[in-house]
Amino acid sequence: MNMQAAAERSDEILDSVLKEIRPELRWTHGPTSVGMCDVTRRRVVMTDISAERRGSLLGLVDRYWRRSGYRMTAINNDVDFPAIYARTQDGFSVRLRIGGKGQAFFQVDTPCVQESEVLDSASQATAPLYEGMELIPRPNIYSDFWSAGASEEAGGRS
């Protein structure tokens, strides 16, 4: 497997978990990182996830990854910044972590593979892309379900 094939497999992993989440989360592409023999793909959730709903999201993803045959490698139960980490049967490391303002970040790190060019992801983001911006903004898309209980200041309605 080369880096491009590994990046495409990473996109499949990310696409599958995001398709499993209902109601849908809106997300954008985070930066792709290329190392000496590995690739990291990221998705940044732009849906405002209230503190009351973060446990639901983590639990849903945890159950999906386990059903998919992933081995859980770590769980961070921090109240403000929880995270779950797992490994796929083919050696890809996956994680979901909650950051500042409740923003969720999905990441896949590939195993070491043959060096090659890596193209941008072909997966279609469900939130605006922030090309040319140094930083992706905080979550700014309101969801009747996922944002329930969140302050208008944290995400507002859009």
N, C-alpha and C. Protein backbone atom coordinates (compact mmCIF):
# COMPACT_ATOMS: atom_id res chain seq x y z
N MET A 1 0.85 -1.17 0.00
CA MET A 1 0.00 0.00 0.00
C MET A 1 0.89 1.23 0.00
N ASN A 2 0.54 2.23 -0.82
CA ASN A 2 1.29 3.47 -0.81
C ASN A 2 0.51 4.55 -0.05
N MET A 3 1.11 5.73 0.08
CA MET A 3 0.51 6.80 0.88
C MET A 3 -0.86 7.22 0.33
N GLN A 4 -1.01 7.27 -1.00
CA GLN A 4 -2.30 7.66 -1.57
C GLN A 4 -3.37 6.64 -1.23
N ALA A 5 -3.06 5.37 -1.36
CA ALA A 5 -4.03 4.32 -1.02
C ALA A 5 -4.36 4.38 0.47
N ALA A 6 -3.38 4.65 1.30
CA ALA A 6 -3.61 4.76 2.74
C ALA A 6 -4.48 5.98 3.05
N ALA A 7 -4.26 7.08 2.35
CA ALA A 7 -5.09 8.27 2.54
C ALA A 7 -6.53 7.98 2.13
N GLU A 8 -6.71 7.24 1.03
CA GLU A 8 -8.07 6.89 0.60
C GLU A 8 -8.74 5.96 1.61
N ARG A 9 -8.00 5.04 2.17
CA ARG A 9 -8.55 4.16 3.22
C ARG A 9 -8.93 5.00 4.44
N SER A 10 -8.11 5.99 4.77
CA SER A 10 -8.43 6.89 5.89
C SER A 10 -9.74 7.62 5.62
N ASP A 11 -9.92 8.09 4.39
CA ASP A 11 -11.18 8.76 4.04
C ASP A 11 -12.37 7.82 4.20
N GLU A 12 -12.20 6.56 3.81
CA GLU A 12 -13.28 5.58 3.97
C GLU A 12 -13.64 5.41 5.45
N ILE A 13 -12.63 5.34 6.30
CA ILE A 13 -12.85 5.19 7.74
C ILE A 13 -13.62 6.40 8.27
N LEU A 14 -13.19 7.59 7.89
CA LEU A 14 -13.84 8.81 8.35
C LEU A 14 -15.25 8.94 7.79
N ASP A 15 -15.41 8.66 6.50
CA ASP A 15 -16.74 8.74 5.89
C ASP A 15 -17.71 7.80 6.57
N SER A 16 -17.26 6.58 6.87
CA SER A 16 -18.17 5.58 7.43
C SER A 16 -18.67 5.98 8.81
N VAL A 17 -17.80 6.51 9.66
CA VAL A 17 -18.25 6.89 10.99
C VAL A 17 -19.16 8.11 10.93
N LEU A 18 -18.85 9.06 10.07
CA LEU A 18 -19.68 10.26 9.99
C LEU A 18 -21.05 9.94 9.40
N LYS A 19 -21.13 8.97 8.50
CA LYS A 19 -22.43 8.56 7.95
C LYS A 19 -23.27 7.84 8.99
N GLU A 20 -22.63 7.27 9.98
CA GLU A 20 -23.33 6.53 11.03
C GLU A 20 -24.01 7.47 12.03
N ILE A 21 -23.56 8.69 12.12
CA ILE A 21 -24.05 9.63 13.14
C ILE A 21 -25.32 10.31 12.65
N ARG A 22 -26.39 10.15 13.46
CA ARG A 22 -27.69 10.77 13.16
C ARG A 22 -28.19 11.46 14.41
N PRO A 23 -28.73 12.66 14.32
CA PRO A 23 -28.77 13.46 13.11
C PRO A 23 -27.36 13.79 12.62
N GLU A 24 -27.27 14.13 11.36
CA GLU A 24 -25.99 14.37 10.70
C GLU A 24 -25.22 15.51 11.37
N LEU A 25 -23.91 15.31 11.47
CA LEU A 25 -23.00 16.38 11.88
C LEU A 25 -22.46 17.03 10.62
N ARG A 26 -22.30 18.33 10.64
CA ARG A 26 -21.70 19.05 9.52
C ARG A 26 -20.21 19.18 9.81
N TRP A 27 -19.39 18.89 8.80
CA TRP A 27 -17.94 18.85 9.01
C TRP A 27 -17.21 19.46 7.82
N THR A 28 -15.96 19.81 8.05
CA THR A 28 -15.08 20.29 7.00
C THR A 28 -13.76 19.53 7.11
N HIS A 29 -12.97 19.61 6.06
CA HIS A 29 -11.67 18.94 6.07
C HIS A 29 -10.69 19.70 6.95
N GLY A 30 -9.99 18.96 7.80
CA GLY A 30 -8.85 19.51 8.51
C GLY A 30 -7.63 19.28 7.64
N PRO A 31 -6.48 19.75 8.05
CA PRO A 31 -5.27 19.56 7.24
C PRO A 31 -4.85 18.10 7.15
N THR A 32 -4.33 17.72 5.98
CA THR A 32 -3.71 16.42 5.80
C THR A 32 -2.23 16.58 6.07
N SER A 33 -1.67 15.67 6.87
CA SER A 33 -0.24 15.70 7.16
C SER A 33 0.40 14.47 6.53
N VAL A 34 1.59 14.68 5.95
CA VAL A 34 2.33 13.58 5.35
C VAL A 34 3.68 13.49 6.06
N GLY A 35 3.95 12.32 6.61
CA GLY A 35 5.21 12.09 7.29
C GLY A 35 6.18 11.35 6.38
N MET A 36 7.18 10.73 6.98
CA MET A 36 8.17 9.98 6.21
C MET A 36 7.53 8.77 5.53
N CYS A 37 6.60 8.11 6.22
CA CYS A 37 5.97 6.93 5.63
C CYS A 37 4.51 6.79 6.05
N ASP A 38 3.92 7.89 6.53
CA ASP A 38 2.54 7.82 7.00
C ASP A 38 1.77 9.08 6.63
N VAL A 39 0.45 8.98 6.73
CA VAL A 39 -0.44 10.08 6.38
C VAL A 39 -1.45 10.25 7.52
N THR A 40 -1.82 11.49 7.79
CA THR A 40 -2.87 11.79 8.75
C THR A 40 -3.95 12.58 8.04
N ARG A 41 -5.19 12.08 8.14
CA ARG A 41 -6.36 12.79 7.62
C ARG A 41 -7.21 13.24 8.80
N ARG A 42 -7.82 14.43 8.65
CA ARG A 42 -8.61 15.00 9.73
C ARG A 42 -9.94 15.53 9.21
N ARG A 43 -10.95 15.46 10.08
CA ARG A 43 -12.25 16.10 9.82
C ARG A 43 -12.58 16.92 11.05
N VAL A 44 -13.01 18.15 10.82
CA VAL A 44 -13.36 19.06 11.91
C VAL A 44 -14.87 19.27 11.88
N VAL A 45 -15.53 18.97 12.97
CA VAL A 45 -16.98 19.10 13.04
C VAL A 45 -17.34 20.56 13.29
N MET A 46 -18.20 21.09 12.43
CA MET A 46 -18.62 22.48 12.53
C MET A 46 -19.98 22.62 13.22
N THR A 47 -20.64 21.50 13.48
CA THR A 47 -21.88 21.51 14.25
C THR A 47 -21.52 21.79 15.71
N ASP A 48 -22.26 22.70 16.31
CA ASP A 48 -22.06 23.02 17.72
C ASP A 48 -22.62 21.87 18.55
N ILE A 49 -21.76 21.17 19.27
CA ILE A 49 -22.18 20.05 20.11
C ILE A 49 -22.18 20.51 21.56
N SER A 50 -23.36 20.56 22.14
CA SER A 50 -23.48 21.04 23.52
C SER A 50 -22.82 20.07 24.49
N ALA A 51 -22.48 20.58 25.66
CA ALA A 51 -21.88 19.73 26.70
C ALA A 51 -22.80 18.56 27.03
N GLU A 52 -24.11 18.79 26.96
CA GLU A 52 -25.08 17.75 27.27
C GLU A 52 -25.10 16.64 26.22
N ARG A 53 -24.62 16.89 25.01
CA ARG A 53 -24.67 15.90 23.93
C ARG A 53 -23.33 15.24 23.63
N ARG A 54 -22.27 15.71 24.22
CA ARG A 54 -20.93 15.16 23.90
C ARG A 54 -20.81 13.70 24.27
N GLY A 55 -21.34 13.30 25.42
CA GLY A 55 -21.30 11.91 25.83
C GLY A 55 -22.05 11.02 24.85
N SER A 56 -23.18 11.52 24.34
CA SER A 56 -23.95 10.76 23.35
C SER A 56 -23.13 10.52 22.09
N LEU A 57 -22.43 11.56 21.64
CA LEU A 57 -21.61 11.43 20.43
C LEU A 57 -20.48 10.42 20.67
N LEU A 58 -19.78 10.56 21.77
CA LEU A 58 -18.67 9.65 22.06
C LEU A 58 -19.16 8.20 22.18
N GLY A 59 -20.29 8.01 22.83
CA GLY A 59 -20.84 6.67 22.97
C GLY A 59 -21.25 6.07 21.64
N LEU A 60 -21.89 6.87 20.80
CA LEU A 60 -22.30 6.39 19.48
C LEU A 60 -21.09 5.96 18.65
N VAL A 61 -20.04 6.79 18.65
CA VAL A 61 -18.83 6.48 17.88
C VAL A 61 -18.13 5.25 18.47
N ASP A 62 -18.03 5.19 19.79
CA ASP A 62 -17.41 4.04 20.45
C ASP A 62 -18.12 2.75 20.03
N ARG A 63 -19.44 2.72 20.10
CA ARG A 63 -20.19 1.51 19.73
C ARG A 63 -19.99 1.16 18.26
N TYR A 64 -19.98 2.16 17.39
CA TYR A 64 -19.78 1.90 15.96
C TYR A 64 -18.39 1.32 15.70
N TRP A 65 -17.37 1.91 16.31
CA TRP A 65 -16.02 1.40 16.09
C TRP A 65 -15.88 -0.03 16.61
N ARG A 66 -16.44 -0.32 17.75
CA ARG A 66 -16.38 -1.68 18.29
C ARG A 66 -17.11 -2.66 17.36
N ARG A 67 -18.31 -2.29 16.87
CA ARG A 67 -19.05 -3.15 15.94
C ARG A 67 -18.27 -3.37 14.65
N SER A 68 -17.44 -2.39 14.29
CA SER A 68 -16.64 -2.48 13.06
C SER A 68 -15.36 -3.29 13.26
N GLY A 69 -15.16 -3.82 14.46
CA GLY A 69 -13.99 -4.64 14.74
C GLY A 69 -12.77 -3.87 15.18
N TYR A 70 -12.93 -2.58 15.47
CA TYR A 70 -11.80 -1.79 15.94
C TYR A 70 -11.52 -2.14 17.39
N ARG A 71 -10.25 -2.06 17.77
CA ARG A 71 -9.84 -2.31 19.15
C ARG A 71 -9.65 -0.96 19.84
N MET A 72 -10.38 -0.75 20.92
CA MET A 72 -10.24 0.50 21.66
C MET A 72 -8.88 0.50 22.34
N THR A 73 -8.12 1.58 22.17
CA THR A 73 -6.77 1.65 22.74
C THR A 73 -6.69 2.60 23.92
N ALA A 74 -7.58 3.60 23.98
CA ALA A 74 -7.58 4.53 25.12
C ALA A 74 -8.90 5.28 25.15
N ILE A 75 -9.31 5.63 26.35
CA ILE A 75 -10.49 6.47 26.55
C ILE A 75 -10.11 7.54 27.55
N ASN A 76 -10.33 8.78 27.17
CA ASN A 76 -10.05 9.91 28.05
C ASN A 76 -11.41 10.44 28.51
N ASN A 77 -11.72 10.29 29.79
CA ASN A 77 -13.01 10.70 30.33
C ASN A 77 -13.00 12.12 30.88
N ASP A 78 -12.06 12.95 30.46
CA ASP A 78 -12.01 14.33 30.92
C ASP A 78 -13.36 15.00 30.67
N VAL A 79 -13.85 15.74 31.64
CA VAL A 79 -15.16 16.38 31.54
C VAL A 79 -15.20 17.37 30.38
N ASP A 80 -14.16 18.17 30.22
CA ASP A 80 -14.15 19.22 29.20
C ASP A 80 -13.60 18.76 27.86
N PHE A 81 -12.62 17.85 27.88
CA PHE A 81 -11.96 17.45 26.63
C PHE A 81 -11.88 15.92 26.52
N PRO A 82 -13.02 15.25 26.46
CA PRO A 82 -13.00 13.79 26.35
C PRO A 82 -12.50 13.35 24.98
N ALA A 83 -12.04 12.09 24.91
CA ALA A 83 -11.55 11.55 23.65
C ALA A 83 -11.60 10.03 23.69
N ILE A 84 -11.72 9.42 22.52
CA ILE A 84 -11.61 7.97 22.40
C ILE A 84 -10.65 7.66 21.27
N TYR A 85 -9.89 6.60 21.46
CA TYR A 85 -8.85 6.19 20.52
C TYR A 85 -9.04 4.70 20.21
N ALA A 86 -8.82 4.34 18.95
CA ALA A 86 -8.98 2.94 18.56
C ALA A 86 -8.02 2.61 17.43
N ARG A 87 -7.93 1.31 17.13
CA ARG A 87 -7.08 0.84 16.02
C ARG A 87 -7.92 -0.12 15.19
N THR A 88 -7.85 0.08 13.87
CA THR A 88 -8.57 -0.80 12.95
C THR A 88 -7.81 -2.12 12.82
N GLN A 89 -8.47 -3.12 12.27
CA GLN A 89 -7.82 -4.42 12.09
C GLN A 89 -6.64 -4.33 11.13
N ASP A 90 -6.66 -3.33 10.22
CA ASP A 90 -5.54 -3.19 9.28
C ASP A 90 -4.51 -2.14 9.73
N GLY A 91 -4.52 -1.78 11.03
CA GLY A 91 -3.44 -0.98 11.60
C GLY A 91 -3.57 0.52 11.53
N PHE A 92 -4.74 1.05 11.21
CA PHE A 92 -4.95 2.49 11.19
C PHE A 92 -5.40 2.93 12.58
N SER A 93 -4.82 4.02 13.08
CA SER A 93 -5.21 4.58 14.37
C SER A 93 -6.28 5.64 14.14
N VAL A 94 -7.36 5.56 14.91
CA VAL A 94 -8.46 6.51 14.76
C VAL A 94 -8.73 7.17 16.10
N ARG A 95 -9.23 8.40 16.04
CA ARG A 95 -9.58 9.05 17.28
C ARG A 95 -10.69 10.07 17.06
N LEU A 96 -11.42 10.28 18.12
CA LEU A 96 -12.39 11.37 18.21
C LEU A 96 -12.06 12.09 19.49
N ARG A 97 -11.82 13.38 19.38
CA ARG A 97 -11.58 14.15 20.59
C ARG A 97 -12.42 15.42 20.54
N ILE A 98 -12.81 15.86 21.72
CA ILE A 98 -13.58 17.09 21.86
C ILE A 98 -12.62 18.16 22.34
N GLY A 99 -12.59 19.28 21.59
CA GLY A 99 -11.70 20.37 21.93
C GLY A 99 -12.46 21.57 22.49
N GLY A 100 -11.85 22.72 22.38
CA GLY A 100 -12.43 23.96 22.88
C GLY A 100 -13.78 24.25 22.26
N LYS A 101 -14.67 24.82 23.06
CA LYS A 101 -16.04 25.16 22.66
C LYS A 101 -16.80 23.92 22.18
N GLY A 102 -16.35 22.74 22.57
CA GLY A 102 -17.04 21.51 22.20
C GLY A 102 -16.82 21.07 20.77
N GLN A 103 -15.83 21.62 20.11
CA GLN A 103 -15.59 21.22 18.72
C GLN A 103 -15.02 19.81 18.67
N ALA A 104 -15.62 18.98 17.82
CA ALA A 104 -15.18 17.59 17.69
C ALA A 104 -14.20 17.47 16.53
N PHE A 105 -13.19 16.65 16.76
CA PHE A 105 -12.15 16.41 15.76
C PHE A 105 -11.99 14.90 15.56
N PHE A 106 -12.14 14.45 14.32
CA PHE A 106 -11.87 13.07 13.95
C PHE A 106 -10.51 13.04 13.26
N GLN A 107 -9.73 12.01 13.54
CA GLN A 107 -8.41 11.88 12.92
C GLN A 107 -8.10 10.41 12.67
N VAL A 108 -7.46 10.15 11.54
CA VAL A 108 -6.95 8.82 11.22
C VAL A 108 -5.47 8.94 10.88
N ASP A 109 -4.66 8.12 11.54
CA ASP A 109 -3.23 8.03 11.25
C ASP A 109 -2.98 6.67 10.60
N THR A 110 -2.31 6.67 9.46
CA THR A 110 -2.05 5.42 8.75
C THR A 110 -0.84 4.70 9.34
N PRO A 111 -0.74 3.41 9.08
CA PRO A 111 0.52 2.74 9.40
C PRO A 111 1.59 3.21 8.41
N CYS A 112 2.81 2.80 8.62
CA CYS A 112 3.89 3.13 7.69
C CYS A 112 3.64 2.40 6.36
N VAL A 113 3.68 3.16 5.28
CA VAL A 113 3.41 2.61 3.95
C VAL A 113 4.45 3.14 2.96
N GLN A 114 4.35 2.68 1.74
CA GLN A 114 5.30 3.10 0.70
C GLN A 114 5.07 4.57 0.35
N GLU A 115 6.15 5.32 0.22
CA GLU A 115 6.07 6.74 -0.10
C GLU A 115 5.43 6.95 -1.47
N SER A 116 4.57 7.96 -1.55
CA SER A 116 3.96 8.37 -2.82
C SER A 116 3.36 9.75 -2.64
N GLU A 117 2.93 10.32 -3.73
CA GLU A 117 2.20 11.58 -3.68
C GLU A 117 0.86 11.33 -2.99
N VAL A 118 0.36 12.35 -2.28
CA VAL A 118 -0.95 12.26 -1.62
C VAL A 118 -1.82 13.41 -2.12
N LEU A 119 -2.95 13.04 -2.71
CA LEU A 119 -3.89 14.04 -3.22
C LEU A 119 -4.84 14.47 -2.12
N ASP A 120 -5.50 15.60 -2.33
CA ASP A 120 -6.53 16.04 -1.40
C ASP A 120 -7.64 15.00 -1.36
N SER A 121 -8.36 14.98 -0.27
CA SER A 121 -9.47 14.05 -0.12
C SER A 121 -10.55 14.34 -1.16
N ALA A 122 -11.13 13.28 -1.68
CA ALA A 122 -12.24 13.41 -2.63
C ALA A 122 -13.58 13.43 -1.90
N SER A 123 -13.59 13.20 -0.60
CA SER A 123 -14.82 13.22 0.17
C SER A 123 -15.39 14.63 0.20
N GLN A 124 -16.70 14.72 0.03
CA GLN A 124 -17.39 16.01 -0.01
C GLN A 124 -17.72 16.48 1.40
N ALA A 125 -17.14 17.60 1.80
CA ALA A 125 -17.43 18.18 3.12
C ALA A 125 -18.89 18.61 3.17
N THR A 126 -19.47 18.59 4.37
CA THR A 126 -20.86 18.98 4.54
C THR A 126 -20.99 20.37 5.17
N ALA A 127 -19.88 21.02 5.40
CA ALA A 127 -19.84 22.39 5.91
C ALA A 127 -18.89 23.16 4.99
N PRO A 128 -18.89 24.48 5.09
CA PRO A 128 -17.99 25.26 4.23
C PRO A 128 -16.53 24.85 4.40
N LEU A 129 -15.77 24.97 3.33
CA LEU A 129 -14.33 24.74 3.38
C LEU A 129 -13.66 26.06 3.75
N TYR A 130 -12.55 25.99 4.41
CA TYR A 130 -11.87 27.19 4.86
C TYR A 130 -10.49 27.27 4.22
N GLU A 131 -10.47 27.07 2.90
CA GLU A 131 -9.20 27.09 2.16
C GLU A 131 -8.57 28.47 2.26
N GLY A 132 -7.28 28.48 2.44
CA GLY A 132 -6.56 29.74 2.52
C GLY A 132 -6.60 30.38 3.89
N MET A 133 -7.43 29.85 4.77
CA MET A 133 -7.48 30.37 6.14
C MET A 133 -6.47 29.62 6.99
N GLU A 134 -5.81 30.35 7.86
CA GLU A 134 -4.82 29.71 8.71
C GLU A 134 -5.47 28.78 9.73
N LEU A 135 -6.65 29.17 10.23
CA LEU A 135 -7.33 28.38 11.24
C LEU A 135 -8.79 28.15 10.85
N ILE A 136 -9.29 26.99 11.17
CA ILE A 136 -10.70 26.70 11.00
C ILE A 136 -11.41 27.30 12.20
N PRO A 137 -12.54 28.01 12.00
CA PRO A 137 -13.22 28.63 13.14
C PRO A 137 -13.84 27.61 14.08
N ARG A 138 -14.28 28.08 15.21
CA ARG A 138 -15.01 27.26 16.18
C ARG A 138 -16.31 26.80 15.54
N PRO A 139 -16.97 25.80 16.14
CA PRO A 139 -18.22 25.31 15.56
C PRO A 139 -19.24 26.45 15.45
N ASN A 140 -19.92 26.51 14.29
CA ASN A 140 -20.82 27.64 14.06
C ASN A 140 -22.11 27.23 13.36
N ILE A 141 -22.43 25.93 13.38
CA ILE A 141 -23.66 25.45 12.77
C ILE A 141 -24.54 24.86 13.86
N TYR A 142 -25.75 25.39 13.98
CA TYR A 142 -26.69 24.97 15.02
C TYR A 142 -27.45 23.74 14.57
N SER A 143 -27.66 22.80 15.50
CA SER A 143 -28.47 21.61 15.28
C SER A 143 -29.48 21.53 16.42
N ASP A 144 -30.75 21.33 16.08
CA ASP A 144 -31.77 21.20 17.13
C ASP A 144 -31.41 20.10 18.12
N PHE A 145 -30.79 19.01 17.63
CA PHE A 145 -30.42 17.91 18.51
C PHE A 145 -29.05 18.13 19.13
N TRP A 146 -28.00 18.21 18.32
CA TRP A 146 -26.63 18.24 18.84
C TRP A 146 -26.31 19.50 19.64
N SER A 147 -26.96 20.60 19.32
CA SER A 147 -26.68 21.86 20.02
C SER A 147 -27.61 22.10 21.20
N ALA A 148 -28.50 21.17 21.48
CA ALA A 148 -29.48 21.36 22.56
C ALA A 148 -28.79 21.73 23.86
N GLY A 149 -29.21 22.86 24.41
CA GLY A 149 -28.63 23.32 25.67
C GLY A 149 -27.41 24.20 25.49
N ALA A 150 -26.90 24.32 24.25
CA ALA A 150 -25.73 25.18 24.02
C ALA A 150 -26.16 26.64 24.02
N SER A 151 -25.29 27.49 24.47
CA SER A 151 -25.61 28.92 24.47
C SER A 151 -25.58 29.43 23.04
N GLU A 152 -26.38 30.44 22.78
CA GLU A 152 -26.38 31.07 21.45
C GLU A 152 -24.99 31.60 21.11
N GLU A 153 -24.26 32.06 22.14
CA GLU A 153 -22.92 32.60 21.93
C GLU A 153 -21.96 31.52 21.38
N ALA A 154 -22.14 30.29 21.83
CA ALA A 154 -21.22 29.22 21.42
C ALA A 154 -21.37 28.85 19.96
N GLY A 155 -22.56 28.98 19.43
CA GLY A 155 -22.72 28.57 18.04
C GLY A 155 -23.78 29.34 17.31
N GLY A 156 -24.77 29.75 18.04
CA GLY A 156 -25.85 30.49 17.41
C GLY A 156 -26.61 29.64 16.42
N ARG A 157 -27.64 30.17 15.88
CA ARG A 157 -28.44 29.46 14.87
C ARG A 157 -27.98 29.90 13.49
N SER A 158 -27.86 28.94 12.60
CA SER A 158 -27.53 29.29 11.21
C SER A 158 -28.28 28.39 10.28
